[in-house]
Amino acid sequence: MLEYFKTILAKVSFDGRLFEKELRKAIKSLIKDELQELKNWCNAKFGHVYGPIIEKQFVLAQ
C-alpha cells in the first residue's frame, strides 16, 4: 500500500488541496511503521512545496 500511495501522491502533486486530501487518506490507511517512511519520502520529494501541509497532516494523525 505504501508504494501505491507514493504513486498517487506523485500524480496529484500539481494541486495542493488534492495532495492534502490524498495524504490524509494515506495516513489513515497505512500502518504505523509505514507512516514514518511515508513522512520521510514526502518531505524529501515535496517538502519544498508542501512542507506545512505534510507537517500538519502528520501532527493531526498522532
N, C-alpha and C. Protein backbone atom coordinates (compact mmCIF):
# COMPACT_ATOMS: atom_id res chain seq x y z
N MET A 1 0.82 -1.20 0.00
CA MET A 1 0.00 0.00 0.00
C MET A 1 0.86 1.26 0.00
N LEU A 2 2.00 1.20 0.65
CA LEU A 2 2.87 2.37 0.70
C LEU A 2 3.27 2.82 -0.70
N GLU A 3 3.68 1.89 -1.53
CA GLU A 3 4.09 2.25 -2.89
C GLU A 3 2.91 2.80 -3.70
N TYR A 4 1.74 2.25 -3.47
CA TYR A 4 0.53 2.74 -4.13
C TYR A 4 0.29 4.21 -3.77
N PHE A 5 0.36 4.55 -2.49
CA PHE A 5 0.12 5.93 -2.07
C PHE A 5 1.22 6.87 -2.55
N LYS A 6 2.45 6.39 -2.62
CA LYS A 6 3.52 7.22 -3.18
C LYS A 6 3.21 7.57 -4.63
N THR A 7 2.72 6.60 -5.38
CA THR A 7 2.36 6.83 -6.78
C THR A 7 1.23 7.86 -6.89
N ILE A 8 0.21 7.69 -6.07
CA ILE A 8 -0.93 8.61 -6.08
C ILE A 8 -0.48 10.01 -5.72
N LEU A 9 0.30 10.15 -4.66
CA LEU A 9 0.75 11.47 -4.23
C LEU A 9 1.60 12.15 -5.29
N ALA A 10 2.44 11.39 -5.96
CA ALA A 10 3.25 11.96 -7.03
C ALA A 10 2.37 12.46 -8.18
N LYS A 11 1.30 11.72 -8.47
CA LYS A 11 0.41 12.10 -9.58
C LYS A 11 -0.44 13.31 -9.26
N VAL A 12 -0.78 13.54 -7.99
CA VAL A 12 -1.64 14.68 -7.64
C VAL A 12 -0.84 15.86 -7.08
N SER A 13 0.46 15.80 -7.16
CA SER A 13 1.29 16.84 -6.55
C SER A 13 1.17 18.20 -7.23
N PHE A 14 0.46 18.28 -8.35
CA PHE A 14 0.27 19.55 -9.03
C PHE A 14 -0.76 20.44 -8.32
N ASP A 15 -1.57 19.85 -7.42
CA ASP A 15 -2.66 20.56 -6.75
C ASP A 15 -2.55 20.37 -5.24
N GLY A 16 -2.37 21.45 -4.50
CA GLY A 16 -2.18 21.38 -3.06
C GLY A 16 -3.33 20.75 -2.30
N ARG A 17 -4.56 21.12 -2.66
CA ARG A 17 -5.72 20.58 -1.95
C ARG A 17 -5.88 19.08 -2.21
N LEU A 18 -5.67 18.69 -3.43
CA LEU A 18 -5.76 17.27 -3.78
C LEU A 18 -4.65 16.48 -3.11
N PHE A 19 -3.46 17.05 -3.08
CA PHE A 19 -2.32 16.41 -2.40
C PHE A 19 -2.65 16.19 -0.92
N GLU A 20 -3.20 17.22 -0.29
CA GLU A 20 -3.54 17.11 1.13
C GLU A 20 -4.61 16.05 1.37
N LYS A 21 -5.61 16.00 0.51
CA LYS A 21 -6.69 15.01 0.63
C LYS A 21 -6.14 13.60 0.51
N GLU A 22 -5.29 13.37 -0.49
CA GLU A 22 -4.73 12.03 -0.69
C GLU A 22 -3.75 11.66 0.43
N LEU A 23 -3.04 12.65 0.94
CA LEU A 23 -2.13 12.39 2.05
C LEU A 23 -2.91 11.96 3.29
N ARG A 24 -4.03 12.62 3.53
CA ARG A 24 -4.89 12.22 4.65
C ARG A 24 -5.35 10.77 4.51
N LYS A 25 -5.77 10.40 3.31
CA LYS A 25 -6.20 9.02 3.06
C LYS A 25 -5.06 8.04 3.32
N ALA A 26 -3.88 8.39 2.84
CA ALA A 26 -2.71 7.52 3.02
C ALA A 26 -2.41 7.32 4.50
N ILE A 27 -2.41 8.40 5.25
CA ILE A 27 -2.10 8.33 6.68
C ILE A 27 -3.11 7.44 7.41
N LYS A 28 -4.38 7.54 7.04
CA LYS A 28 -5.41 6.72 7.68
C LYS A 28 -5.27 5.24 7.31
N SER A 29 -4.75 4.95 6.14
CA SER A 29 -4.72 3.58 5.64
C SER A 29 -3.47 2.79 6.00
N LEU A 30 -2.38 3.48 6.24
CA LEU A 30 -1.11 2.78 6.45
C LEU A 30 -0.89 2.40 7.90
N ILE A 31 -0.06 1.39 8.11
CA ILE A 31 0.29 1.00 9.47
C ILE A 31 1.39 1.92 9.99
N LYS A 32 1.57 1.90 11.28
CA LYS A 32 2.48 2.85 11.94
C LYS A 32 3.90 2.81 11.38
N ASP A 33 4.41 1.61 11.10
CA ASP A 33 5.78 1.50 10.57
C ASP A 33 5.93 2.21 9.23
N GLU A 34 4.87 2.14 8.42
CA GLU A 34 4.93 2.75 7.09
C GLU A 34 4.78 4.26 7.14
N LEU A 35 4.16 4.78 8.20
CA LEU A 35 3.93 6.22 8.29
C LEU A 35 5.23 7.01 8.32
N GLN A 36 6.21 6.55 9.08
CA GLN A 36 7.48 7.27 9.14
C GLN A 36 8.17 7.27 7.79
N GLU A 37 8.11 6.15 7.10
CA GLU A 37 8.71 6.08 5.77
C GLU A 37 8.00 7.03 4.80
N LEU A 38 6.66 7.08 4.89
CA LEU A 38 5.89 7.99 4.04
C LEU A 38 6.24 9.44 4.35
N LYS A 39 6.35 9.76 5.62
CA LYS A 39 6.68 11.14 6.02
C LYS A 39 8.06 11.53 5.48
N ASN A 40 9.03 10.66 5.62
CA ASN A 40 10.37 10.95 5.11
C ASN A 40 10.36 11.14 3.60
N TRP A 41 9.64 10.28 2.91
CA TRP A 41 9.54 10.36 1.45
C TRP A 41 8.85 11.65 1.03
N CYS A 42 7.75 11.98 1.68
CA CYS A 42 7.02 13.22 1.35
C CYS A 42 7.89 14.45 1.56
N ASN A 43 8.58 14.48 2.68
CA ASN A 43 9.44 15.64 2.96
C ASN A 43 10.58 15.74 1.95
N ALA A 44 11.16 14.62 1.58
CA ALA A 44 12.26 14.63 0.62
C ALA A 44 11.80 15.05 -0.77
N LYS A 45 10.64 14.57 -1.17
CA LYS A 45 10.16 14.80 -2.53
C LYS A 45 9.35 16.09 -2.69
N PHE A 46 8.53 16.42 -1.67
CA PHE A 46 7.61 17.54 -1.80
C PHE A 46 7.72 18.58 -0.68
N GLY A 47 8.67 18.40 0.22
CA GLY A 47 8.81 19.30 1.36
C GLY A 47 9.01 20.74 0.97
N HIS A 48 9.70 20.98 -0.13
CA HIS A 48 9.96 22.35 -0.56
C HIS A 48 8.69 23.05 -1.03
N VAL A 49 7.68 22.29 -1.43
CA VAL A 49 6.42 22.86 -1.91
C VAL A 49 5.32 22.75 -0.86
N TYR A 50 5.19 21.56 -0.27
CA TYR A 50 4.08 21.28 0.64
C TYR A 50 4.52 20.98 2.07
N GLY A 51 5.64 21.50 2.49
CA GLY A 51 6.15 21.25 3.84
C GLY A 51 5.12 21.47 4.94
N PRO A 52 4.45 22.64 4.95
CA PRO A 52 3.45 22.88 6.01
C PRO A 52 2.27 21.90 5.96
N ILE A 53 1.83 21.53 4.78
CA ILE A 53 0.73 20.58 4.65
C ILE A 53 1.15 19.21 5.19
N ILE A 54 2.34 18.79 4.84
CA ILE A 54 2.85 17.49 5.29
C ILE A 54 2.93 17.45 6.81
N GLU A 55 3.53 18.48 7.40
CA GLU A 55 3.67 18.53 8.85
C GLU A 55 2.31 18.54 9.53
N LYS A 56 1.40 19.35 9.03
CA LYS A 56 0.07 19.45 9.61
C LYS A 56 -0.64 18.10 9.62
N GLN A 57 -0.62 17.39 8.52
CA GLN A 57 -1.33 16.11 8.43
C GLN A 57 -0.72 15.06 9.34
N PHE A 58 0.61 15.04 9.46
CA PHE A 58 1.23 14.04 10.32
C PHE A 58 1.04 14.39 11.81
N VAL A 59 0.96 15.67 12.13
CA VAL A 59 0.68 16.06 13.52
C VAL A 59 -0.75 15.68 13.88
N LEU A 60 -1.68 15.94 12.97
CA LEU A 60 -3.08 15.60 13.23
C LEU A 60 -3.27 14.09 13.35
N ALA A 61 -2.44 13.31 12.72
CA ALA A 61 -2.58 11.86 12.73
C ALA A 61 -2.15 11.23 14.06
N GLN A 62 -1.39 11.95 14.85
CA GLN A 62 -0.85 11.37 16.08
C GLN A 62 -1.87 11.35 17.19
